[in-house]
All heavy atoms as atom14 arrays in JSON, in Angstrom:
{
  "sequence": "AWFRQAPGKEREFAAGISRSADNTYYADSVKGRFTIARDNAKNTVYL",
  "atom14_mask": [
    [1, 1, 1, 1, 1, 0, 0, 0, 0, 0, 0, 0, 0, 0],
    [1, 1, 1, 1, 1, 1, 1, 1, 1, 1, 1, 1, 1, 1],
    [1, 1, 1, 1, 1, 1, 1, 1, 1, 1, 1, 0, 0, 0],
    [1, 1, 1, 1, 1, 1, 1, 1, 1, 1, 1, 0, 0, 0],
    [1, 1, 1, 1, 1, 1, 1, 1, 1, 0, 0, 0, 0, 0],
    [1, 1, 1, 1, 1, 0, 0, 0, 0, 0, 0, 0, 0, 0],
    [1, 1, 1, 1, 1, 1, 1, 0, 0, 0, 0, 0, 0, 0],
    [1, 1, 1, 1, 0, 0, 0, 0, 0, 0, 0, 0, 0, 0],
    [1, 1, 1, 1, 1, 1, 1, 1, 1, 0, 0, 0, 0, 0],
    [1, 1, 1, 1, 1, 1, 1, 1, 1, 0, 0, 0, 0, 0],
    [1, 1, 1, 1, 1, 1, 1, 1, 1, 1, 1, 0, 0, 0],
    [1, 1, 1, 1, 1, 1, 1, 1, 1, 0, 0, 0, 0, 0],
    [1, 1, 1, 1, 1, 1, 1, 1, 1, 1, 1, 0, 0, 0],
    [1, 1, 1, 1, 1, 0, 0, 0, 0, 0, 0, 0, 0, 0],
    [1, 1, 1, 1, 1, 0, 0, 0, 0, 0, 0, 0, 0, 0],
    [1, 1, 1, 1, 0, 0, 0, 0, 0, 0, 0, 0, 0, 0],
    [1, 1, 1, 1, 1, 1, 1, 1, 0, 0, 0, 0, 0, 0],
    [1, 1, 1, 1, 1, 1, 0, 0, 0, 0, 0, 0, 0, 0],
    [1, 1, 1, 1, 1, 1, 1, 1, 1, 1, 1, 0, 0, 0],
    [1, 1, 1, 1, 1, 1, 0, 0, 0, 0, 0, 0, 0, 0],
    [1, 1, 1, 1, 1, 0, 0, 0, 0, 0, 0, 0, 0, 0],
    [1, 1, 1, 1, 1, 1, 1, 1, 0, 0, 0, 0, 0, 0],
    [1, 1, 1, 1, 1, 1, 1, 1, 0, 0, 0, 0, 0, 0],
    [1, 1, 1, 1, 1, 1, 1, 0, 0, 0, 0, 0, 0, 0],
    [1, 1, 1, 1, 1, 1, 1, 1, 1, 1, 1, 1, 0, 0],
    [1, 1, 1, 1, 1, 1, 1, 1, 1, 1, 1, 1, 0, 0],
    [1, 1, 1, 1, 1, 0, 0, 0, 0, 0, 0, 0, 0, 0],
    [1, 1, 1, 1, 1, 1, 1, 1, 0, 0, 0, 0, 0, 0],
    [1, 1, 1, 1, 1, 1, 0, 0, 0, 0, 0, 0, 0, 0],
    [1, 1, 1, 1, 1, 1, 1, 0, 0, 0, 0, 0, 0, 0],
    [1, 1, 1, 1, 1, 1, 1, 1, 1, 0, 0, 0, 0, 0],
    [1, 1, 1, 1, 0, 0, 0, 0, 0, 0, 0, 0, 0, 0],
    [1, 1, 1, 1, 1, 1, 1, 1, 1, 1, 1, 0, 0, 0],
    [1, 1, 1, 1, 1, 1, 1, 1, 1, 1, 1, 0, 0, 0],
    [1, 1, 1, 1, 1, 1, 1, 0, 0, 0, 0, 0, 0, 0],
    [1, 1, 1, 1, 1, 1, 1, 1, 0, 0, 0, 0, 0, 0],
    [1, 1, 1, 1, 1, 0, 0, 0, 0, 0, 0, 0, 0, 0],
    [1, 1, 1, 1, 1, 1, 1, 1, 1, 1, 1, 0, 0, 0],
    [1, 1, 1, 1, 1, 1, 1, 1, 0, 0, 0, 0, 0, 0],
    [1, 1, 1, 1, 1, 1, 1, 1, 0, 0, 0, 0, 0, 0],
    [1, 1, 1, 1, 1, 0, 0, 0, 0, 0, 0, 0, 0, 0],
    [1, 1, 1, 1, 1, 1, 1, 1, 1, 0, 0, 0, 0, 0],
    [1, 1, 1, 1, 1, 1, 1, 1, 0, 0, 0, 0, 0, 0],
    [1, 1, 1, 1, 1, 1, 1, 0, 0, 0, 0, 0, 0, 0],
    [1, 1, 1, 1, 1, 1, 1, 0, 0, 0, 0, 0, 0, 0],
    [1, 1, 1, 1, 1, 1, 1, 1, 1, 1, 1, 1, 0, 0],
    [1, 1, 1, 1, 1, 1, 1, 1, 0, 0, 0, 0, 0, 0]
  ],
  "atom14_positions": [
    [[0.83, -1.19, 0.0], [0.0, -0.01, 0.0], [0.86, 1.25, 0.01], [2.02, 1.22, 0.4], [-0.92, 0.0, 1.21], [0.0, 0.0, 0.0], [0.0, 0.0, 0.0], [0.0, 0.0, 0.0], [0.0, 0.0, 0.0], [0.0, 0.0, 0.0], [0.0, 0.0, 0.0], [0.0, 0.0, 0.0], [0.0, 0.0, 0.0], [0.0, 0.0, 0.0]],
    [[0.27, 2.32, -0.46], [0.86, 3.64, -0.36], [-0.01, 4.48, 0.6], [-1.22, 4.56, 0.44], [0.93, 4.35, -1.71], [1.94, 3.79, -2.63], [1.74, 2.84, -3.6], [3.31, 4.15, -2.7], [2.92, 2.58, -4.27], [3.9, 3.39, -3.73], [4.12, 5.05, -2.0], [5.25, 3.48, -4.06], [5.46, 5.15, -2.32], [6.01, 4.36, -3.35]],
    [[0.65, 5.05, 1.57], [0.04, 6.02, 2.46], [0.67, 7.38, 2.19], [1.76, 7.47, 1.65], [0.25, 5.63, 3.92], [-0.61, 4.5, 4.39], [-0.34, 3.2, 4.02], [-1.7, 4.74, 5.22], [-1.14, 2.14, 4.45], [-2.5, 3.69, 5.67], [-2.22, 2.4, 5.27], [0.0, 0.0, 0.0], [0.0, 0.0, 0.0], [0.0, 0.0, 0.0]],
    [[0.0, 8.41, 2.62], [0.6, 9.73, 2.49], [0.25, 10.57, 3.7], [-0.78, 10.39, 4.35], [0.1, 10.43, 1.21], [-1.38, 10.74, 1.15], [-1.73, 11.31, -0.21], [-3.1, 11.77, -0.26], [-3.64, 12.36, -1.34], [-2.92, 12.54, -2.43], [-4.92, 12.74, -1.3], [0.0, 0.0, 0.0], [0.0, 0.0, 0.0], [0.0, 0.0, 0.0]],
    [[1.13, 11.51, 3.98], [0.94, 12.4, 5.13], [1.26, 13.82, 4.71], [2.4, 14.15, 4.41], [1.81, 11.97, 6.31], [1.54, 12.74, 7.57], [2.2, 12.11, 8.78], [3.15, 11.34, 8.66], [1.68, 12.43, 9.96], [0.0, 0.0, 0.0], [0.0, 0.0, 0.0], [0.0, 0.0, 0.0], [0.0, 0.0, 0.0], [0.0, 0.0, 0.0]],
    [[0.22, 14.64, 4.68], [0.38, 16.05, 4.34], [0.79, 16.82, 5.57], [0.58, 16.37, 6.71], [-0.92, 16.59, 3.78], [0.0, 0.0, 0.0], [0.0, 0.0, 0.0], [0.0, 0.0, 0.0], [0.0, 0.0, 0.0], [0.0, 0.0, 0.0], [0.0, 0.0, 0.0], [0.0, 0.0, 0.0], [0.0, 0.0, 0.0], [0.0, 0.0, 0.0]],
    [[1.4, 18.0, 5.41], [1.81, 18.79, 6.55], [0.66, 19.07, 7.52], [-0.41, 19.52, 7.1], [2.33, 20.08, 5.93], [2.78, 19.68, 4.56], [1.78, 18.63, 4.13], [0.0, 0.0, 0.0], [0.0, 0.0, 0.0], [0.0, 0.0, 0.0], [0.0, 0.0, 0.0], [0.0, 0.0, 0.0], [0.0, 0.0, 0.0], [0.0, 0.0, 0.0]],
    [[0.86, 18.77, 8.77], [-0.14, 19.03, 9.78], [-1.3, 18.08, 9.81], [-2.26, 18.29, 10.56], [0.0, 0.0, 0.0], [0.0, 0.0, 0.0], [0.0, 0.0, 0.0], [0.0, 0.0, 0.0], [0.0, 0.0, 0.0], [0.0, 0.0, 0.0], [0.0, 0.0, 0.0], [0.0, 0.0, 0.0], [0.0, 0.0, 0.0], [0.0, 0.0, 0.0]],
    [[-1.26, 17.03, 9.0], [-2.37, 16.08, 8.94], [-1.9, 14.67, 9.27], [-0.71, 14.37, 9.25], [-3.0, 16.1, 7.53], [-3.63, 17.41, 7.17], [-4.31, 17.35, 5.81], [-4.96, 18.66, 5.45], [-5.65, 18.59, 4.14], [0.0, 0.0, 0.0], [0.0, 0.0, 0.0], [0.0, 0.0, 0.0], [0.0, 0.0, 0.0], [0.0, 0.0, 0.0]],
    [[-2.86, 13.81, 9.57], [-2.56, 12.41, 9.87], [-2.23, 11.65, 8.59], [-2.67, 12.01, 7.49], [-3.74, 11.76, 10.58], [-4.02, 12.35, 11.95], [-5.14, 11.6, 12.66], [-5.78, 10.74, 12.04], [-5.36, 11.88, 13.84], [0.0, 0.0, 0.0], [0.0, 0.0, 0.0], [0.0, 0.0, 0.0], [0.0, 0.0, 0.0], [0.0, 0.0, 0.0]],
    [[-1.47, 10.59, 8.75], [-1.17, 9.73, 7.64], [-2.44, 9.01, 7.17], [-3.22, 8.52, 7.98], [-0.11, 8.7, 8.04], [0.5, 7.95, 6.87], [1.62, 7.04, 7.35], [2.67, 7.78, 8.04], [3.79, 7.23, 8.49], [4.01, 5.93, 8.34], [4.67, 7.98, 9.11], [0.0, 0.0, 0.0], [0.0, 0.0, 0.0], [0.0, 0.0, 0.0]],
    [[-2.65, 8.96, 5.87], [-3.85, 8.38, 5.33], [-3.55, 7.4, 4.21], [-2.55, 7.53, 3.49], [-4.8, 9.46, 4.8], [-4.27, 10.24, 3.62], [-5.28, 11.23, 3.04], [-6.37, 11.37, 3.62], [-4.96, 11.88, 2.03], [0.0, 0.0, 0.0], [0.0, 0.0, 0.0], [0.0, 0.0, 0.0], [0.0, 0.0, 0.0], [0.0, 0.0, 0.0]],
    [[-4.41, 6.42, 4.06], [-4.31, 5.44, 3.0], [-4.59, 6.1, 1.66], [-5.56, 6.83, 1.51], [-5.32, 4.32, 3.27], [-5.41, 3.27, 2.21], [-4.58, 2.16, 2.24], [-6.33, 3.39, 1.18], [-4.69, 1.18, 1.29], [-6.44, 2.42, 0.22], [-5.61, 1.31, 0.26], [0.0, 0.0, 0.0], [0.0, 0.0, 0.0], [0.0, 0.0, 0.0]],
    [[-3.76, 5.81, 0.67], [-3.96, 6.31, -0.67], [-4.34, 5.21, -1.65], [-5.29, 5.36, -2.42], [-2.72, 7.05, -1.17], [0.0, 0.0, 0.0], [0.0, 0.0, 0.0], [0.0, 0.0, 0.0], [0.0, 0.0, 0.0], [0.0, 0.0, 0.0], [0.0, 0.0, 0.0], [0.0, 0.0, 0.0], [0.0, 0.0, 0.0], [0.0, 0.0, 0.0]],
    [[-3.59, 4.12, -1.64], [-3.84, 3.02, -2.57], [-3.25, 1.73, -2.02], [-2.25, 1.75, -1.32], [-3.26, 3.34, -3.95], [0.0, 0.0, 0.0], [0.0, 0.0, 0.0], [0.0, 0.0, 0.0], [0.0, 0.0, 0.0], [0.0, 0.0, 0.0], [0.0, 0.0, 0.0], [0.0, 0.0, 0.0], [0.0, 0.0, 0.0], [0.0, 0.0, 0.0]],
    [[-3.84, 0.59, -2.4], [-3.34, -0.69, -1.99], [-3.48, -1.72, -3.1], [-4.31, -1.56, -4.0], [0.0, 0.0, 0.0], [0.0, 0.0, 0.0], [0.0, 0.0, 0.0], [0.0, 0.0, 0.0], [0.0, 0.0, 0.0], [0.0, 0.0, 0.0], [0.0, 0.0, 0.0], [0.0, 0.0, 0.0], [0.0, 0.0, 0.0], [0.0, 0.0, 0.0]],
    [[-2.67, -2.77, -3.01], [-2.69, -3.81, -4.02], [-2.39, -5.16, -3.34], [-1.53, -5.25, -2.45], [-1.68, -3.51, -5.14], [-1.82, -4.51, -6.3], [-0.25, -3.49, -4.62], [-1.09, -4.04, -7.56], [0.0, 0.0, 0.0], [0.0, 0.0, 0.0], [0.0, 0.0, 0.0], [0.0, 0.0, 0.0], [0.0, 0.0, 0.0], [0.0, 0.0, 0.0]],
    [[-3.12, -6.18, -3.75], [-2.92, -7.5, -3.16], [-1.67, -8.16, -3.72], [-1.06, -7.69, -4.68], [-4.15, -8.38, -3.47], [-4.32, -8.56, -4.86], [0.0, 0.0, 0.0], [0.0, 0.0, 0.0], [0.0, 0.0, 0.0], [0.0, 0.0, 0.0], [0.0, 0.0, 0.0], [0.0, 0.0, 0.0], [0.0, 0.0, 0.0], [0.0, 0.0, 0.0]],
    [[-1.27, -9.27, -3.1], [0.01, -9.9, -3.43], [0.09, -10.34, -4.88], [1.17, -10.3, -5.48], [0.26, -11.08, -2.5], [-0.78, -12.2, -2.63], [-0.63, -13.19, -1.5], [-1.65, -14.22, -1.53], [-2.06, -14.91, -0.52], [-1.54, -14.67, 0.7], [-3.0, -15.84, -0.65], [0.0, 0.0, 0.0], [0.0, 0.0, 0.0], [0.0, 0.0, 0.0]],
    [[-1.04, -10.75, -5.45], [-1.06, -11.2, -6.84], [-1.56, -10.12, -7.8], [-1.73, -10.38, -8.99], [-1.94, -12.43, -6.98], [-1.43, -13.5, -6.2], [0.0, 0.0, 0.0], [0.0, 0.0, 0.0], [0.0, 0.0, 0.0], [0.0, 0.0, 0.0], [0.0, 0.0, 0.0], [0.0, 0.0, 0.0], [0.0, 0.0, 0.0], [0.0, 0.0, 0.0]],
    [[-1.8, -8.93, -7.28], [-2.28, -7.78, -8.07], [-3.65, -8.0, -8.64], [-4.04, -7.31, -9.59], [-1.27, -7.43, -9.16], [0.0, 0.0, 0.0], [0.0, 0.0, 0.0], [0.0, 0.0, 0.0], [0.0, 0.0, 0.0], [0.0, 0.0, 0.0], [0.0, 0.0, 0.0], [0.0, 0.0, 0.0], [0.0, 0.0, 0.0], [0.0, 0.0, 0.0]],
    [[-4.4, -8.94, -8.1], [-5.74, -9.19, -8.58], [-6.76, -8.23, -7.99], [-7.88, -8.15, -8.49], [-6.15, -10.64, -8.31], [-5.99, -11.05, -6.86], [-5.19, -10.44, -6.14], [-6.68, -12.02, -6.43], [0.0, 0.0, 0.0], [0.0, 0.0, 0.0], [0.0, 0.0, 0.0], [0.0, 0.0, 0.0], [0.0, 0.0, 0.0], [0.0, 0.0, 0.0]],
    [[-6.36, -7.51, -6.94], [-7.23, -6.51, -6.33], [-6.46, -5.24, -6.05], [-5.32, -5.28, -5.56], [-7.83, -7.04, -5.04], [-8.83, -8.16, -5.27], [-9.85, -7.96, -5.91], [-8.53, -9.34, -4.74], [0.0, 0.0, 0.0], [0.0, 0.0, 0.0], [0.0, 0.0, 0.0], [0.0, 0.0, 0.0], [0.0, 0.0, 0.0], [0.0, 0.0, 0.0]],
    [[-7.07, -4.12, -6.35], [-6.51, -2.82, -6.0], [-7.57, -1.99, -5.29], [-8.77, -2.18, -5.5], [-6.01, -2.07, -7.24], [-7.09, -1.92, -8.18], [-4.87, -2.82, -7.91], [0.0, 0.0, 0.0], [0.0, 0.0, 0.0], [0.0, 0.0, 0.0], [0.0, 0.0, 0.0], [0.0, 0.0, 0.0], [0.0, 0.0, 0.0], [0.0, 0.0, 0.0]],
    [[-7.09, -1.07, -4.48], [-7.97, -0.26, -3.66], [-7.46, 1.17, -3.65], [-6.26, 1.41, -3.63], [-8.03, -0.81, -2.23], [-8.27, -2.28, -2.16], [-7.19, -3.16, -2.08], [-9.55, -2.8, -2.21], [-7.4, -4.54, -2.05], [-9.77, -4.17, -2.16], [-8.69, -5.04, -2.08], [-8.92, -6.39, -2.05], [0.0, 0.0, 0.0], [0.0, 0.0, 0.0]],
    [[-8.39, 2.12, -3.66], [-8.01, 3.53, -3.72], [-8.86, 4.36, -2.78], [-10.05, 4.12, -2.6], [-8.18, 4.06, -5.14], [-7.31, 3.39, -6.17], [-7.78, 2.33, -6.91], [-6.0, 3.83, -6.37], [-6.99, 1.71, -7.85], [-5.2, 3.21, -7.3], [-5.69, 2.15, -8.04], [-4.89, 1.53, -8.97], [0.0, 0.0, 0.0], [0.0, 0.0, 0.0]],
    [[-8.23, 5.35, -2.21], [-8.97, 6.36, -1.5], [-9.79, 7.19, -2.51], [-9.36, 7.39, -3.65], [-8.03, 7.27, -0.72], [0.0, 0.0, 0.0], [0.0, 0.0, 0.0], [0.0, 0.0, 0.0], [0.0, 0.0, 0.0], [0.0, 0.0, 0.0], [0.0, 0.0, 0.0], [0.0, 0.0, 0.0], [0.0, 0.0, 0.0], [0.0, 0.0, 0.0]],
    [[-10.92, 7.68, -2.07], [-11.77, 8.46, -2.96], [-11.03, 9.69, -3.49], [-11.29, 10.13, -4.62], [-13.04, 8.89, -2.24], [-13.98, 7.74, -2.0], [-13.85, 6.7, -2.67], [-14.89, 7.88, -1.15], [0.0, 0.0, 0.0], [0.0, 0.0, 0.0], [0.0, 0.0, 0.0], [0.0, 0.0, 0.0], [0.0, 0.0, 0.0], [0.0, 0.0, 0.0]],
    [[-10.14, 10.23, -2.71], [-9.45, 11.44, -3.07], [-8.49, 11.26, -4.26], [-8.12, 12.25, -4.92], [-8.69, 12.02, -1.88], [-7.77, 11.05, -1.38], [0.0, 0.0, 0.0], [0.0, 0.0, 0.0], [0.0, 0.0, 0.0], [0.0, 0.0, 0.0], [0.0, 0.0, 0.0], [0.0, 0.0, 0.0], [0.0, 0.0, 0.0], [0.0, 0.0, 0.0]],
    [[-8.08, 10.02, -4.53], [-7.13, 9.78, -5.61], [-7.7, 8.92, -6.71], [-7.06, 8.77, -7.76], [-5.82, 9.14, -5.08], [-5.26, 9.94, -3.91], [-6.05, 7.69, -4.68], [0.0, 0.0, 0.0], [0.0, 0.0, 0.0], [0.0, 0.0, 0.0], [0.0, 0.0, 0.0], [0.0, 0.0, 0.0], [0.0, 0.0, 0.0], [0.0, 0.0, 0.0]],
    [[-8.85, 8.35, -6.51], [-9.43, 7.44, -7.48], [-9.64, 8.12, -8.83], [-10.15, 9.24, -8.9], [-10.76, 6.9, -6.96], [-11.19, 5.59, -7.59], [-12.3, 4.94, -6.77], [-12.58, 3.52, -7.22], [-13.58, 2.85, -6.35], [0.0, 0.0, 0.0], [0.0, 0.0, 0.0], [0.0, 0.0, 0.0], [0.0, 0.0, 0.0], [0.0, 0.0, 0.0]],
    [[-9.24, 7.44, -9.88], [-9.32, 8.0, -11.22], [-8.09, 8.77, -11.64], [-7.93, 9.08, -12.83], [0.0, 0.0, 0.0], [0.0, 0.0, 0.0], [0.0, 0.0, 0.0], [0.0, 0.0, 0.0], [0.0, 0.0, 0.0], [0.0, 0.0, 0.0], [0.0, 0.0, 0.0], [0.0, 0.0, 0.0], [0.0, 0.0, 0.0], [0.0, 0.0, 0.0]],
    [[-7.23, 9.11, -10.69], [-6.02, 9.84, -11.0], [-4.76, 9.04, -10.72], [-3.76, 9.18, -11.42], [-5.96, 11.14, -10.19], [-7.13, 12.08, -10.47], [-6.95, 13.43, -9.78], [-6.9, 13.26, -8.33], [-5.85, 13.61, -7.56], [-4.77, 14.13, -8.12], [-5.91, 13.43, -6.24], [0.0, 0.0, 0.0], [0.0, 0.0, 0.0], [0.0, 0.0, 0.0]],
    [[-4.8, 8.21, -9.68], [-3.65, 7.41, -9.28], [-3.87, 5.95, -9.67], [-4.99, 5.46, -9.65], [-3.41, 7.48, -7.78], [-2.94, 8.79, -7.26], [-2.95, 9.93, -8.04], [-2.5, 8.88, -5.94], [-2.52, 11.16, -7.53], [-2.06, 10.09, -5.43], [-2.06, 11.22, -6.23], [0.0, 0.0, 0.0], [0.0, 0.0, 0.0], [0.0, 0.0, 0.0]],
    [[-2.79, 5.27, -9.98], [-2.83, 3.85, -10.26], [-1.71, 3.14, -9.53], [-0.54, 3.54, -9.65], [-2.7, 3.57, -11.76], [-3.74, 4.24, -12.48], [-2.8, 2.06, -12.03], [0.0, 0.0, 0.0], [0.0, 0.0, 0.0], [0.0, 0.0, 0.0], [0.0, 0.0, 0.0], [0.0, 0.0, 0.0], [0.0, 0.0, 0.0], [0.0, 0.0, 0.0]],
    [[-2.04, 2.13, -8.75], [-1.03, 1.33, -8.08], [-0.79, 0.06, -8.89], [-1.72, -0.53, -9.46], [-1.46, 0.98, -6.62], [-0.3, 0.31, -5.87], [-2.71, 0.12, -6.59], [-0.56, 0.16, -4.38], [0.0, 0.0, 0.0], [0.0, 0.0, 0.0], [0.0, 0.0, 0.0], [0.0, 0.0, 0.0], [0.0, 0.0, 0.0], [0.0, 0.0, 0.0]],
    [[0.45, -0.34, -8.97], [0.83, -1.54, -9.7], [2.04, -2.18, -9.05], [2.73, -1.54, -8.25], [1.13, -1.2, -11.17], [0.0, 0.0, 0.0], [0.0, 0.0, 0.0], [0.0, 0.0, 0.0], [0.0, 0.0, 0.0], [0.0, 0.0, 0.0], [0.0, 0.0, 0.0], [0.0, 0.0, 0.0], [0.0, 0.0, 0.0], [0.0, 0.0, 0.0]],
    [[2.3, -3.43, -9.38], [3.48, -4.08, -8.82], [4.11, -4.99, -9.86], [3.43, -5.52, -10.75], [3.14, -4.86, -7.55], [2.25, -6.08, -7.77], [1.74, -6.63, -6.41], [2.85, -7.12, -5.6], [2.78, -7.33, -4.29], [1.64, -7.07, -3.63], [3.82, -7.78, -3.63], [0.0, 0.0, 0.0], [0.0, 0.0, 0.0], [0.0, 0.0, 0.0]],
    [[5.4, -5.16, -9.72], [6.15, -6.08, -10.55], [6.9, -6.99, -9.59], [7.96, -6.63, -9.08], [7.11, -5.33, -11.47], [7.81, -6.23, -12.46], [7.87, -7.45, -12.25], [8.3, -5.72, -13.49], [0.0, 0.0, 0.0], [0.0, 0.0, 0.0], [0.0, 0.0, 0.0], [0.0, 0.0, 0.0], [0.0, 0.0, 0.0], [0.0, 0.0, 0.0]],
    [[6.34, -8.16, -9.35], [6.93, -9.05, -8.37], [8.29, -9.58, -8.8], [9.12, -9.93, -7.95], [5.98, -10.21, -8.07], [4.78, -9.77, -7.26], [4.78, -8.68, -6.65], [3.75, -10.61, -7.22], [0.0, 0.0, 0.0], [0.0, 0.0, 0.0], [0.0, 0.0, 0.0], [0.0, 0.0, 0.0], [0.0, 0.0, 0.0], [0.0, 0.0, 0.0]],
    [[8.53, -9.64, -10.1], [9.83, -10.08, -10.58], [10.92, -9.08, -10.23], [12.09, -9.44, -10.12], [9.79, -10.33, -12.08], [0.0, 0.0, 0.0], [0.0, 0.0, 0.0], [0.0, 0.0, 0.0], [0.0, 0.0, 0.0], [0.0, 0.0, 0.0], [0.0, 0.0, 0.0], [0.0, 0.0, 0.0], [0.0, 0.0, 0.0], [0.0, 0.0, 0.0]],
    [[10.53, -7.82, -10.08], [11.48, -6.76, -9.74], [11.39, -6.35, -8.28], [12.09, -5.42, -7.87], [11.26, -5.54, -10.63], [11.55, -5.78, -12.1], [11.34, -4.51, -12.9], [11.69, -4.74, -14.37], [11.5, -3.51, -15.17], [0.0, 0.0, 0.0], [0.0, 0.0, 0.0], [0.0, 0.0, 0.0], [0.0, 0.0, 0.0], [0.0, 0.0, 0.0]],
    [[10.54, -7.0, -7.53], [10.34, -6.64, -6.12], [10.02, -5.16, -5.94], [10.55, -4.5, -5.05], [11.58, -6.99, -5.29], [11.59, -8.43, -4.8], [10.94, -9.29, -5.36], [12.33, -8.68, -3.73], [0.0, 0.0, 0.0], [0.0, 0.0, 0.0], [0.0, 0.0, 0.0], [0.0, 0.0, 0.0], [0.0, 0.0, 0.0], [0.0, 0.0, 0.0]],
    [[9.12, -4.67, -6.79], [8.83, -3.25, -6.8], [7.34, -3.0, -6.91], [6.65, -3.67, -7.67], [9.57, -2.55, -7.96], [10.96, -2.78, -7.85], [9.31, -1.05, -7.94], [0.0, 0.0, 0.0], [0.0, 0.0, 0.0], [0.0, 0.0, 0.0], [0.0, 0.0, 0.0], [0.0, 0.0, 0.0], [0.0, 0.0, 0.0], [0.0, 0.0, 0.0]],
    [[6.86, -2.01, -6.16], [5.5, -1.52, -6.31], [5.56, -0.07, -6.75], [6.48, 0.67, -6.36], [4.71, -1.69, -4.99], [5.32, -0.87, -3.87], [3.24, -1.34, -5.2], [0.0, 0.0, 0.0], [0.0, 0.0, 0.0], [0.0, 0.0, 0.0], [0.0, 0.0, 0.0], [0.0, 0.0, 0.0], [0.0, 0.0, 0.0], [0.0, 0.0, 0.0]],
    [[4.61, 0.34, -7.57], [4.6, 1.66, -8.15], [3.32, 2.4, -7.8], [2.27, 1.8, -7.54], [4.71, 1.59, -9.68], [5.88, 0.82, -10.19], [5.75, -0.53, -10.53], [7.11, 1.43, -10.35], [6.83, -1.24, -11.01], [8.2, 0.71, -10.83], [8.06, -0.61, -11.15], [9.13, -1.32, -11.63], [0.0, 0.0, 0.0], [0.0, 0.0, 0.0]],
    [[3.41, 3.7, -7.83], [2.24, 4.55, -7.76], [2.34, 5.58, -8.87], [3.16, 6.51, -8.78], [2.1, 5.22, -6.4], [0.82, 6.02, -6.19], [-0.39, 5.09, -6.16], [0.88, 6.83, -4.9], [0.0, 0.0, 0.0], [0.0, 0.0, 0.0], [0.0, 0.0, 0.0], [0.0, 0.0, 0.0], [0.0, 0.0, 0.0], [0.0, 0.0, 0.0]]
  ]
}
């Protein structure tokens, strides 16, 4: 998952992805603009 923390605010969930990338989840504030993805062969997750 990706979380974010703006100045003076609490850390909040932005996006998440399951181990096999079969499910993704987004906060309403970023939905439609952000995309989470992962490449397990590279041990990397992207936002």
